Amino acid sequence: MIRQAACSLALLTIIFAVTFNLEVREMGLASNLFALLVVLGGTLSATLIACPLTKLAWTARLVRKSFTAREEMNAAIEGIVRLAHIYRSRGIRPLEQAAAGLPPGLLKTGVELIAYHCSRDRIEQILLKEALCTHNRCEAAHKILHTMARLAPALGLAGTIISLIRIFGHISDPQNLIGHMAVALLSTFYGVVLANVCFVPLSNKLREYMDLNELQMEIIQEGILDLCDQEHPRAIRYKLETLSASLGLPEGAPRRAGLALVTAPERAE
């Protein structure tokens, strides 16, 4: 997924250069540090005013994880089946030792609850509560990206106004007005590009990641409950793979009720 994003960015750069007929030495015409600083710096500053730094860091972490979400699905199923083999053949103590080596997340939480001899209903309640908290964090991260997508064009317009004010301050030199006007318009250009090429696609990517995590959450929850019931590992694998296929539905399709919403790649600190 990261390679796909890099290829898309390279393709966009080539299209931009061809469309505007820019040679390598002329690419500087479309770049201005002041305009970029106003748009990007202003967007980040306004976002930090609206939300704490911890939420912004959580958003960046989720965006990074969103490019590897599909790869984690099969790994979750394989991990649950492996734990089922350990629990069924060797008992609760080796299962607890195996849980210590798991990365932070819902699977580790569920296995630890089994090792602590929690009841099935109690485990299900705890998993649901943790899923709801994580879902709220993911929704907050999605709103942050949506806010940045709205702020960038506005900050671009503000940068253009600032540049125009500077132009009017040097209106006695008409020979340089055209060059200053081009720089002024770059702020608006940067705002539109950052919003529609960066923040909006990342927001959509995060939404897709949340949908995939919802599926992964349901699979992990079912696997933990089956593990608690000490079902056969092959039966667990078949059930989870079938569940993965049946829940891989397009948006708006009916889903099973009573399961958790979403999970995170790791716990929030």
C-alpha atoms as a PDB file:
ATOM      1  CA  MET A   1       0.000   0.000   0.000  1.00  0.00           C
ATOM      2  CA  ILE A   2       2.871   2.402   0.728  1.00  0.00           C
ATOM      3  CA  ARG A   3       4.370   1.598  -2.672  1.00  0.00           C
ATOM      4  CA  GLN A   4       0.992   2.280  -4.275  1.00  0.00           C
ATOM      5  CA  ALA A   5       0.794   5.684  -2.567  1.00  0.00           C
ATOM      6  CA  ALA A   6       4.316   6.579  -3.705  1.00  0.00           C
ATOM      7  CA  CYS A   7       3.499   5.603  -7.296  1.00  0.00           C
ATOM      8  CA  SER A   8       0.318   7.689  -7.183  1.00  0.00           C
ATOM      9  CA  LEU A   9       2.256  10.715  -5.930  1.00  0.00           C
ATOM     10  CA  ALA A  10       4.886  10.300  -8.646  1.00  0.00           C
ATOM     11  CA  LEU A  11       2.175   9.992 -11.299  1.00  0.00           C
ATOM     12  CA  LEU A  12       0.508  13.153 -10.007  1.00  0.00           C
ATOM     13  CA  THR A  13       3.803  15.051 -10.215  1.00  0.00           C
ATOM     14  CA  ILE A  14       4.350  13.920 -13.805  1.00  0.00           C
ATOM     15  CA  ILE A  15       0.812  14.911 -14.803  1.00  0.00           C
ATOM     16  CA  PHE A  16       1.277  18.306 -13.174  1.00  0.00           C
ATOM     17  CA  ALA A  17       4.552  18.926 -15.005  1.00  0.00           C
ATOM     18  CA  VAL A  18       3.164  17.823 -18.372  1.00  0.00           C
ATOM     19  CA  THR A  19      -0.050  19.811 -17.970  1.00  0.00           C
ATOM     20  CA  PHE A  20       1.739  23.049 -17.220  1.00  0.00           C
ATOM     21  CA  ASN A  21       4.564  22.259 -19.664  1.00  0.00           C
ATOM     22  CA  LEU A  22       7.210  22.783 -16.989  1.00  0.00           C
ATOM     23  CA  GLU A  23      10.823  21.854 -17.572  1.00  0.00           C
ATOM     24  CA  VAL A  24      13.125  20.940 -14.703  1.00  0.00           C
ATOM     25  CA  ARG A  25      14.613  24.419 -14.503  1.00  0.00           C
ATOM     26  CA  GLU A  26      11.117  25.935 -14.456  1.00  0.00           C
ATOM     27  CA  MET A  27       9.756  23.885 -11.567  1.00  0.00           C
ATOM     28  CA  GLY A  28      10.822  26.706  -9.264  1.00  0.00           C
ATOM     29  CA  LEU A  29       7.976  28.787 -10.684  1.00  0.00           C
ATOM     30  CA  ALA A  30       5.527  26.517  -8.873  1.00  0.00           C
ATOM     31  CA  SER A  31       7.377  26.560  -5.556  1.00  0.00           C
ATOM     32  CA  ASN A  32       7.509  29.215  -2.871  1.00  0.00           C
ATOM     33  CA  LEU A  33       8.601  28.599   0.715  1.00  0.00           C
ATOM     34  CA  PHE A  34       6.622  31.500   2.174  1.00  0.00           C
ATOM     35  CA  ALA A  35       3.353  30.329   0.621  1.00  0.00           C
ATOM     36  CA  LEU A  36       3.932  26.736   1.738  1.00  0.00           C
ATOM     37  CA  LEU A  37       4.797  27.883   5.262  1.00  0.00           C
ATOM     38  CA  VAL A  38       1.618  29.944   5.550  1.00  0.00           C
ATOM     39  CA  VAL A  39      -0.630  27.110   4.358  1.00  0.00           C
ATOM     40  CA  LEU A  40       0.992  24.116   6.030  1.00  0.00           C
ATOM     41  CA  GLY A  41       2.106  25.906   9.187  1.00  0.00           C
ATOM     42  CA  GLY A  42      -1.218  27.674   9.553  1.00  0.00           C
ATOM     43  CA  THR A  43      -3.165  24.443   9.089  1.00  0.00           C
ATOM     44  CA  LEU A  44      -1.101  22.615  11.700  1.00  0.00           C
ATOM     45  CA  SER A  45      -1.308  25.548  14.133  1.00  0.00           C
ATOM     46  CA  ALA A  46      -5.085  25.809  13.807  1.00  0.00           C
ATOM     47  CA  THR A  47      -5.405  22.046  14.246  1.00  0.00           C
ATOM     48  CA  LEU A  48      -3.296  22.147  17.414  1.00  0.00           C
ATOM     49  CA  ILE A  49      -5.561  24.865  18.786  1.00  0.00           C
ATOM     50  CA  ALA A  50      -8.618  22.708  18.105  1.00  0.00           C
ATOM     51  CA  CYS A  51      -7.216  19.447  19.503  1.00  0.00           C
ATOM     52  CA  PRO A  52      -4.368  18.357  21.804  1.00  0.00           C
ATOM     53  CA  LEU A  53      -1.045  17.109  20.506  1.00  0.00           C
ATOM     54  CA  THR A  54      -1.751  13.572  21.727  1.00  0.00           C
ATOM     55  CA  LYS A  55      -4.764  13.295  19.399  1.00  0.00           C
ATOM     56  CA  LEU A  56      -2.692  14.587  16.493  1.00  0.00           C
ATOM     57  CA  ALA A  57      -0.006  11.987  17.241  1.00  0.00           C
ATOM     58  CA  TRP A  58      -2.698   9.273  17.449  1.00  0.00           C
ATOM     59  CA  THR A  59      -4.017  10.413  14.069  1.00  0.00           C
ATOM     60  CA  ALA A  60      -0.559  10.152  12.504  1.00  0.00           C
ATOM     61  CA  ARG A  61      -0.153   6.666  13.981  1.00  0.00           C
ATOM     62  CA  LEU A  62      -3.469   5.514  12.541  1.00  0.00           C
ATOM     63  CA  VAL A  63      -2.677   6.957   9.121  1.00  0.00           C
ATOM     64  CA  ARG A  64       0.608   5.051   9.093  1.00  0.00           C
ATOM     65  CA  LYS A  65      -1.165   1.859  10.130  1.00  0.00           C
ATOM     66  CA  SER A  66      -3.842   2.309   7.468  1.00  0.00           C
ATOM     67  CA  PHE A  67      -1.370   1.314   4.742  1.00  0.00           C
ATOM     68  CA  THR A  68      -0.816  -2.143   6.272  1.00  0.00           C
ATOM     69  CA  ALA A  69      -4.333  -2.945   7.518  1.00  0.00           C
ATOM     70  CA  ARG A  70      -5.075  -5.722   5.013  1.00  0.00           C
ATOM     71  CA  GLU A  71      -1.874  -7.563   5.888  1.00  0.00           C
ATOM     72  CA  GLU A  72      -2.906  -7.855   9.547  1.00  0.00           C
ATOM     73  CA  MET A  73      -6.145  -9.760   8.899  1.00  0.00           C
ATOM     74  CA  ASN A  74      -4.624 -13.163   8.089  1.00  0.00           C
ATOM     75  CA  ALA A  75      -2.022 -12.673  10.816  1.00  0.00           C
ATOM     76  CA  ALA A  76      -4.807 -12.249  13.393  1.00  0.00           C
ATOM     77  CA  ILE A  77      -6.508 -15.481  12.324  1.00  0.00           C
ATOM     78  CA  GLU A  78      -3.227 -17.412  12.350  1.00  0.00           C
ATOM     79  CA  GLY A  79      -2.395 -16.037  15.795  1.00  0.00           C
ATOM     80  CA  ILE A  80      -5.744 -17.120  17.236  1.00  0.00           C
ATOM     81  CA  VAL A  81      -5.415 -20.623  15.774  1.00  0.00           C
ATOM     82  CA  ARG A  82      -1.893 -20.939  17.176  1.00  0.00           C
ATOM     83  CA  LEU A  83      -3.113 -19.893  20.619  1.00  0.00           C
ATOM     84  CA  ALA A  84      -5.957 -22.406  20.362  1.00  0.00           C
ATOM     85  CA  HIS A  85      -3.418 -25.189  19.736  1.00  0.00           C
ATOM     86  CA  ILE A  86      -1.436 -24.092  22.790  1.00  0.00           C
ATOM     87  CA  TYR A  87      -4.466 -23.838  25.055  1.00  0.00           C
ATOM     88  CA  ARG A  88      -6.014 -27.131  23.950  1.00  0.00           C
ATOM     89  CA  SER A  89      -2.850 -29.212  24.104  1.00  0.00           C
ATOM     90  CA  ARG A  90      -0.815 -27.620  26.902  1.00  0.00           C
ATOM     91  CA  GLY A  91      -3.229 -25.773  29.192  1.00  0.00           C
ATOM     92  CA  ILE A  92      -3.709 -22.328  30.684  1.00  0.00           C
ATOM     93  CA  ARG A  93      -0.144 -21.644  31.888  1.00  0.00           C
ATOM     94  CA  PRO A  94       1.534 -21.928  28.455  1.00  0.00           C
ATOM     95  CA  LEU A  95      -1.302 -19.799  27.062  1.00  0.00           C
ATOM     96  CA  GLU A  96      -0.505 -17.084  29.588  1.00  0.00           C
ATOM     97  CA  GLN A  97       3.164 -17.248  28.627  1.00  0.00           C
ATOM     98  CA  ALA A  98       2.250 -16.958  24.946  1.00  0.00           C
ATOM     99  CA  ALA A  99       0.087 -13.910  25.720  1.00  0.00           C
ATOM    100  CA  ALA A 100       3.111 -12.142  27.198  1.00  0.00           C
ATOM    101  CA  GLY A 101       4.783 -12.205  23.789  1.00  0.00           C
ATOM    102  CA  LEU A 102       1.833 -10.712  21.910  1.00  0.00           C
ATOM    103  CA  PRO A 103       1.893  -7.056  20.826  1.00  0.00           C
ATOM    104  CA  PRO A 104      -0.458  -4.678  22.682  1.00  0.00           C
ATOM    105  CA  GLY A 105      -3.964  -4.887  21.314  1.00  0.00           C
ATOM    106  CA  LEU A 106      -7.313  -6.584  21.616  1.00  0.00           C
ATOM    107  CA  LEU A 107      -5.980 -10.111  21.050  1.00  0.00           C
ATOM    108  CA  LYS A 108      -3.530  -9.800  23.924  1.00  0.00           C
ATOM    109  CA  THR A 109      -6.235  -8.345  26.163  1.00  0.00           C
ATOM    110  CA  GLY A 110      -8.602 -11.208  25.416  1.00  0.00           C
ATOM    111  CA  VAL A 111      -5.996 -13.917  25.978  1.00  0.00           C
ATOM    112  CA  GLU A 112      -4.938 -12.314  29.264  1.00  0.00           C
ATOM    113  CA  LEU A 113      -8.560 -12.269  30.411  1.00  0.00           C
ATOM    114  CA  ILE A 114      -8.812 -15.997  29.651  1.00  0.00           C
ATOM    115  CA  ALA A 115      -5.604 -16.585  31.597  1.00  0.00           C
ATOM    116  CA  TYR A 116      -7.088 -14.647  34.533  1.00  0.00           C
ATOM    117  CA  HIS A 117     -10.065 -17.079  34.511  1.00  0.00           C
ATOM    118  CA  CYS A 118     -12.629 -14.399  33.671  1.00  0.00           C
ATOM    119  CA  SER A 119     -16.060 -15.634  32.670  1.00  0.00           C
ATOM    120  CA  ARG A 120     -17.132 -15.676  29.035  1.00  0.00           C
ATOM    121  CA  ASP A 121     -19.710 -12.930  29.553  1.00  0.00           C
ATOM    122  CA  ARG A 122     -17.197 -10.759  31.400  1.00  0.00           C
ATOM    123  CA  ILE A 123     -14.658 -11.143  28.603  1.00  0.00           C
ATOM    124  CA  GLU A 124     -17.242 -10.160  26.018  1.00  0.00           C
ATOM    125  CA  GLN A 125     -18.237  -7.067  28.010  1.00  0.00           C
ATOM    126  CA  ILE A 126     -14.636  -5.910  28.387  1.00  0.00           C
ATOM    127  CA  LEU A 127     -13.908  -6.394  24.693  1.00  0.00           C
ATOM    128  CA  LEU A 128     -17.008  -4.394  23.772  1.00  0.00           C
ATOM    129  CA  LYS A 129     -16.031  -1.510  26.052  1.00  0.00           C
ATOM    130  CA  GLU A 130     -12.481  -1.410  24.736  1.00  0.00           C
ATOM    131  CA  ALA A 131     -13.774  -1.495  21.176  1.00  0.00           C
ATOM    132  CA  LEU A 132     -16.117   1.421  21.834  1.00  0.00           C
ATOM    133  CA  CYS A 133     -13.310   3.535  23.311  1.00  0.00           C
ATOM    134  CA  THR A 134     -11.075   2.793  20.358  1.00  0.00           C
ATOM    135  CA  HIS A 135     -13.873   3.543  17.915  1.00  0.00           C
ATOM    136  CA  ASN A 136     -14.281   6.979  19.489  1.00  0.00           C
ATOM    137  CA  ARG A 137     -10.552   7.648  19.120  1.00  0.00           C
ATOM    138  CA  CYS A 138     -10.647   6.630  15.474  1.00  0.00           C
ATOM    139  CA  GLU A 139     -13.647   8.864  14.837  1.00  0.00           C
ATOM    140  CA  ALA A 140     -11.772  11.754  16.449  1.00  0.00           C
ATOM    141  CA  ALA A 141      -8.774  11.106  14.184  1.00  0.00           C
ATOM    142  CA  HIS A 142     -11.033  11.069  11.127  1.00  0.00           C
ATOM    143  CA  LYS A 143     -12.564  14.398  12.187  1.00  0.00           C
ATOM    144  CA  ILE A 144      -9.082  15.898  12.587  1.00  0.00           C
ATOM    145  CA  LEU A 145      -8.172  15.031   8.997  1.00  0.00           C
ATOM    146  CA  HIS A 146     -11.525  16.372   7.818  1.00  0.00           C
ATOM    147  CA  THR A 147     -10.854  19.620   9.699  1.00  0.00           C
ATOM    148  CA  MET A 148      -7.404  19.949   8.129  1.00  0.00           C
ATOM    149  CA  ALA A 149      -8.953  19.434   4.689  1.00  0.00           C
ATOM    150  CA  ARG A 150     -11.297  22.365   5.368  1.00  0.00           C
ATOM    151  CA  LEU A 151      -8.601  24.588   6.855  1.00  0.00           C
ATOM    152  CA  ALA A 152      -5.996  24.250   4.096  1.00  0.00           C
ATOM    153  CA  PRO A 153      -7.911  26.148   1.347  1.00  0.00           C
ATOM    154  CA  ALA A 154      -8.868  28.873   3.838  1.00  0.00           C
ATOM    155  CA  LEU A 155      -5.241  29.298   4.901  1.00  0.00           C
ATOM    156  CA  GLY A 156      -4.242  29.343   1.236  1.00  0.00           C
ATOM    157  CA  LEU A 157      -6.605  32.240   0.643  1.00  0.00           C
ATOM    158  CA  ALA A 158      -5.202  33.987   3.711  1.00  0.00           C
ATOM    159  CA  GLY A 159      -1.686  33.584   2.318  1.00  0.00           C
ATOM    160  CA  THR A 160      -2.825  35.078  -0.980  1.00  0.00           C
ATOM    161  CA  ILE A 161      -4.284  38.102   0.824  1.00  0.00           C
ATOM    162  CA  ILE A 162      -1.059  38.591   2.785  1.00  0.00           C
ATOM    163  CA  SER A 163       0.956  38.448  -0.432  1.00  0.00           C
ATOM    164  CA  LEU A 164      -1.381  40.949  -2.111  1.00  0.00           C
ATOM    165  CA  ILE A 165      -0.904  43.344   0.794  1.00  0.00           C
ATOM    166  CA  ARG A 166       2.847  43.055   0.307  1.00  0.00           C
ATOM    167  CA  ILE A 167       2.381  43.705  -3.409  1.00  0.00           C
ATOM    168  CA  PHE A 168       0.436  46.894  -2.752  1.00  0.00           C
ATOM    169  CA  GLY A 169       3.221  47.985  -0.436  1.00  0.00           C
ATOM    170  CA  HIS A 170       5.646  47.836  -3.392  1.00  0.00           C
ATOM    171  CA  ILE A 171       3.298  49.113  -6.056  1.00  0.00           C
ATOM    172  CA  SER A 172       5.823  51.789  -6.977  1.00  0.00           C
ATOM    173  CA  ASP A 173       7.805  49.054  -8.761  1.00  0.00           C
ATOM    174  CA  PRO A 174       5.362  47.901 -11.478  1.00  0.00           C
ATOM    175  CA  GLN A 175       7.956  45.716 -13.214  1.00  0.00           C
ATOM    176  CA  ASN A 176       7.872  43.174 -10.388  1.00  0.00           C
ATOM    177  CA  LEU A 177       4.091  43.155  -9.865  1.00  0.00           C
ATOM    178  CA  ILE A 178       3.523  40.155 -12.151  1.00  0.00           C
ATOM    179  CA  GLY A 179       6.110  38.061 -10.344  1.00  0.00           C
ATOM    180  CA  HIS A 180       4.703  38.981  -6.931  1.00  0.00           C
ATOM    181  CA  MET A 181       1.179  38.193  -8.157  1.00  0.00           C
ATOM    182  CA  ALA A 182       2.276  34.694  -9.211  1.00  0.00           C
ATOM    183  CA  VAL A 183       3.718  34.099  -5.751  1.00  0.00           C
ATOM    184  CA  ALA A 184       0.483  35.335  -4.168  1.00  0.00           C
ATOM    185  CA  LEU A 185      -1.625  32.885  -6.155  1.00  0.00           C
ATOM    186  CA  LEU A 186       0.629  30.000  -5.130  1.00  0.00           C
ATOM    187  CA  SER A 187      -0.788  30.144  -1.590  1.00  0.00           C
ATOM    188  CA  THR A 188      -4.276  29.375  -2.864  1.00  0.00           C
ATOM    189  CA  PHE A 189      -2.822  26.675  -5.114  1.00  0.00           C
ATOM    190  CA  TYR A 190      -1.017  25.029  -2.188  1.00  0.00           C
ATOM    191  CA  GLY A 191      -4.155  25.134  -0.054  1.00  0.00           C
ATOM    192  CA  VAL A 192      -6.269  23.425  -2.711  1.00  0.00           C
ATOM    193  CA  VAL A 193      -3.597  20.807  -3.447  1.00  0.00           C
ATOM    194  CA  LEU A 194      -2.961  19.969   0.217  1.00  0.00           C
ATOM    195  CA  ALA A 195      -6.681  19.631   0.885  1.00  0.00           C
ATOM    196  CA  ASN A 196      -7.638  17.539  -2.146  1.00  0.00           C
ATOM    197  CA  VAL A 197      -4.431  15.589  -2.779  1.00  0.00           C
ATOM    198  CA  CYS A 198      -3.301  15.008   0.801  1.00  0.00           C
ATOM    199  CA  PHE A 199      -5.862  15.472   3.576  1.00  0.00           C
ATOM    200  CA  VAL A 200      -9.033  14.283   1.803  1.00  0.00           C
ATOM    201  CA  PRO A 201      -7.410  11.058   0.458  1.00  0.00           C
ATOM    202  CA  LEU A 202      -5.871  10.369   3.876  1.00  0.00           C
ATOM    203  CA  SER A 203      -9.266  10.908   5.484  1.00  0.00           C
ATOM    204  CA  ASN A 204     -10.837   8.413   3.083  1.00  0.00           C
ATOM    205  CA  LYS A 205      -7.964   5.996   3.682  1.00  0.00           C
ATOM    206  CA  LEU A 206      -8.513   6.236   7.416  1.00  0.00           C
ATOM    207  CA  ARG A 207     -12.227   5.551   6.966  1.00  0.00           C
ATOM    208  CA  GLU A 208     -11.385   2.426   4.945  1.00  0.00           C
ATOM    209  CA  TYR A 209      -8.954   1.405   7.674  1.00  0.00           C
ATOM    210  CA  MET A 210     -11.686   1.790  10.287  1.00  0.00           C
ATOM    211  CA  ASP A 211     -13.997  -0.448   8.252  1.00  0.00           C
ATOM    212  CA  LEU A 212     -11.288  -3.094   7.943  1.00  0.00           C
ATOM    213  CA  ASN A 213     -10.581  -2.832  11.654  1.00  0.00           C
ATOM    214  CA  GLU A 214     -14.264  -3.363  12.347  1.00  0.00           C
ATOM    215  CA  LEU A 215     -14.048  -6.653  10.482  1.00  0.00           C
ATOM    216  CA  GLN A 216     -10.819  -7.576  12.243  1.00  0.00           C
ATOM    217  CA  MET A 217     -12.361  -6.695  15.595  1.00  0.00           C
ATOM    218  CA  GLU A 218     -15.302  -9.005  15.032  1.00  0.00           C
ATOM    219  CA  ILE A 219     -12.970 -11.813  13.978  1.00  0.00           C
ATOM    220  CA  ILE A 220     -10.756 -11.376  17.038  1.00  0.00           C
ATOM    221  CA  GLN A 221     -13.752 -11.203  19.356  1.00  0.00           C
ATOM    222  CA  GLU A 222     -15.236 -14.400  17.937  1.00  0.00           C
ATOM    223  CA  GLY A 223     -11.841 -16.077  18.118  1.00  0.00           C
ATOM    224  CA  ILE A 224     -11.334 -15.082  21.755  1.00  0.00           C
ATOM    225  CA  LEU A 225     -14.758 -16.394  22.736  1.00  0.00           C
ATOM    226  CA  ASP A 226     -14.122 -19.671  20.880  1.00  0.00           C
ATOM    227  CA  LEU A 227     -10.741 -19.869  22.572  1.00  0.00           C
ATOM    228  CA  CYS A 228     -12.467 -19.403  25.919  1.00  0.00           C
ATOM    229  CA  ASP A 229     -14.791 -22.302  25.037  1.00  0.00           C
ATOM    230  CA  GLN A 230     -11.738 -24.421  24.096  1.00  0.00           C
ATOM    231  CA  GLU A 231     -13.069 -25.261  20.672  1.00  0.00           C
ATOM    232  CA  HIS A 232     -10.930 -27.270  18.254  1.00  0.00           C
ATOM    233  CA  PRO A 233      -8.325 -25.142  16.404  1.00  0.00           C
ATOM    234  CA  ARG A 234      -9.485 -26.401  13.000  1.00  0.00           C
ATOM    235  CA  ALA A 235     -13.072 -25.477  13.832  1.00  0.00           C
ATOM    236  CA  ILE A 236     -11.905 -22.026  14.925  1.00  0.00           C
ATOM    237  CA  ARG A 237      -9.951 -21.531  11.710  1.00  0.00           C
ATOM    238  CA  TYR A 238     -12.903 -22.559   9.557  1.00  0.00           C
ATOM    239  CA  LYS A 239     -15.279 -20.343  11.511  1.00  0.00           C
ATOM    240  CA  LEU A 240     -13.026 -17.275  11.384  1.00  0.00           C
ATOM    241  CA  GLU A 241     -12.216 -17.660   7.696  1.00  0.00           C
ATOM    242  CA  THR A 242     -15.914 -18.061   6.930  1.00  0.00           C
ATOM    243  CA  LEU A 243     -16.698 -15.027   9.071  1.00  0.00           C
ATOM    244  CA  SER A 244     -14.017 -13.034   7.280  1.00  0.00           C
ATOM    245  CA  ALA A 245     -15.539 -13.875   3.912  1.00  0.00           C
ATOM    246  CA  SER A 246     -19.133 -13.264   4.997  1.00  0.00           C
ATOM    247  CA  LEU A 247     -18.361  -9.917   6.655  1.00  0.00           C
ATOM    248  CA  GLY A 248     -16.346  -8.619   3.723  1.00  0.00           C
ATOM    249  CA  LEU A 249     -19.406  -6.746   2.484  1.00  0.00           C
ATOM    250  CA  PRO A 250     -19.696  -3.427   0.676  1.00  0.00           C
ATOM    251  CA  GLU A 251     -20.662  -0.340   2.626  1.00  0.00           C
ATOM    252  CA  GLY A 252     -24.345  -0.281   3.519  1.00  0.00           C
ATOM    253  CA  ALA A 253     -24.765  -4.053   3.399  1.00  0.00           C
ATOM    254  CA  PRO A 254     -26.360  -5.704   6.439  1.00  0.00           C
ATOM    255  CA  ARG A 255     -23.959  -6.712   9.204  1.00  0.00           C
ATOM    256  CA  ARG A 256     -24.398  -9.039  12.139  1.00  0.00           C
ATOM    257  CA  ALA A 257     -25.681  -7.286  15.222  1.00  0.00           C
ATOM    258  CA  GLY A 258     -24.171  -7.543  18.688  1.00  0.00           C
ATOM    259  CA  LEU A 259     -20.496  -7.407  17.772  1.00  0.00           C
ATOM    260  CA  ALA A 260     -17.974  -4.712  18.523  1.00  0.00           C
ATOM    261  CA  LEU A 261     -17.300  -1.791  16.246  1.00  0.00           C
ATOM    262  CA  VAL A 262     -13.611  -1.285  15.694  1.00  0.00           C
ATOM    263  CA  THR A 263     -10.219  -2.002  17.149  1.00  0.00           C
ATOM    264  CA  ALA A 264      -6.918  -0.221  17.138  1.00  0.00           C
ATOM    265  CA  PRO A 265      -3.520  -1.563  16.119  1.00  0.00           C
ATOM    266  CA  GLU A 266      -2.319  -0.880  19.642  1.00  0.00           C
ATOM    267  CA  ARG A 267      -3.597   0.543  22.868  1.00  0.00           C
ATOM    268  CA  ALA A 268      -3.531   4.267  23.457  1.00  0.00           C
ATOM    269  CA  GLU A 269      -1.041   5.255  26.103  1.00  0.00           C
END
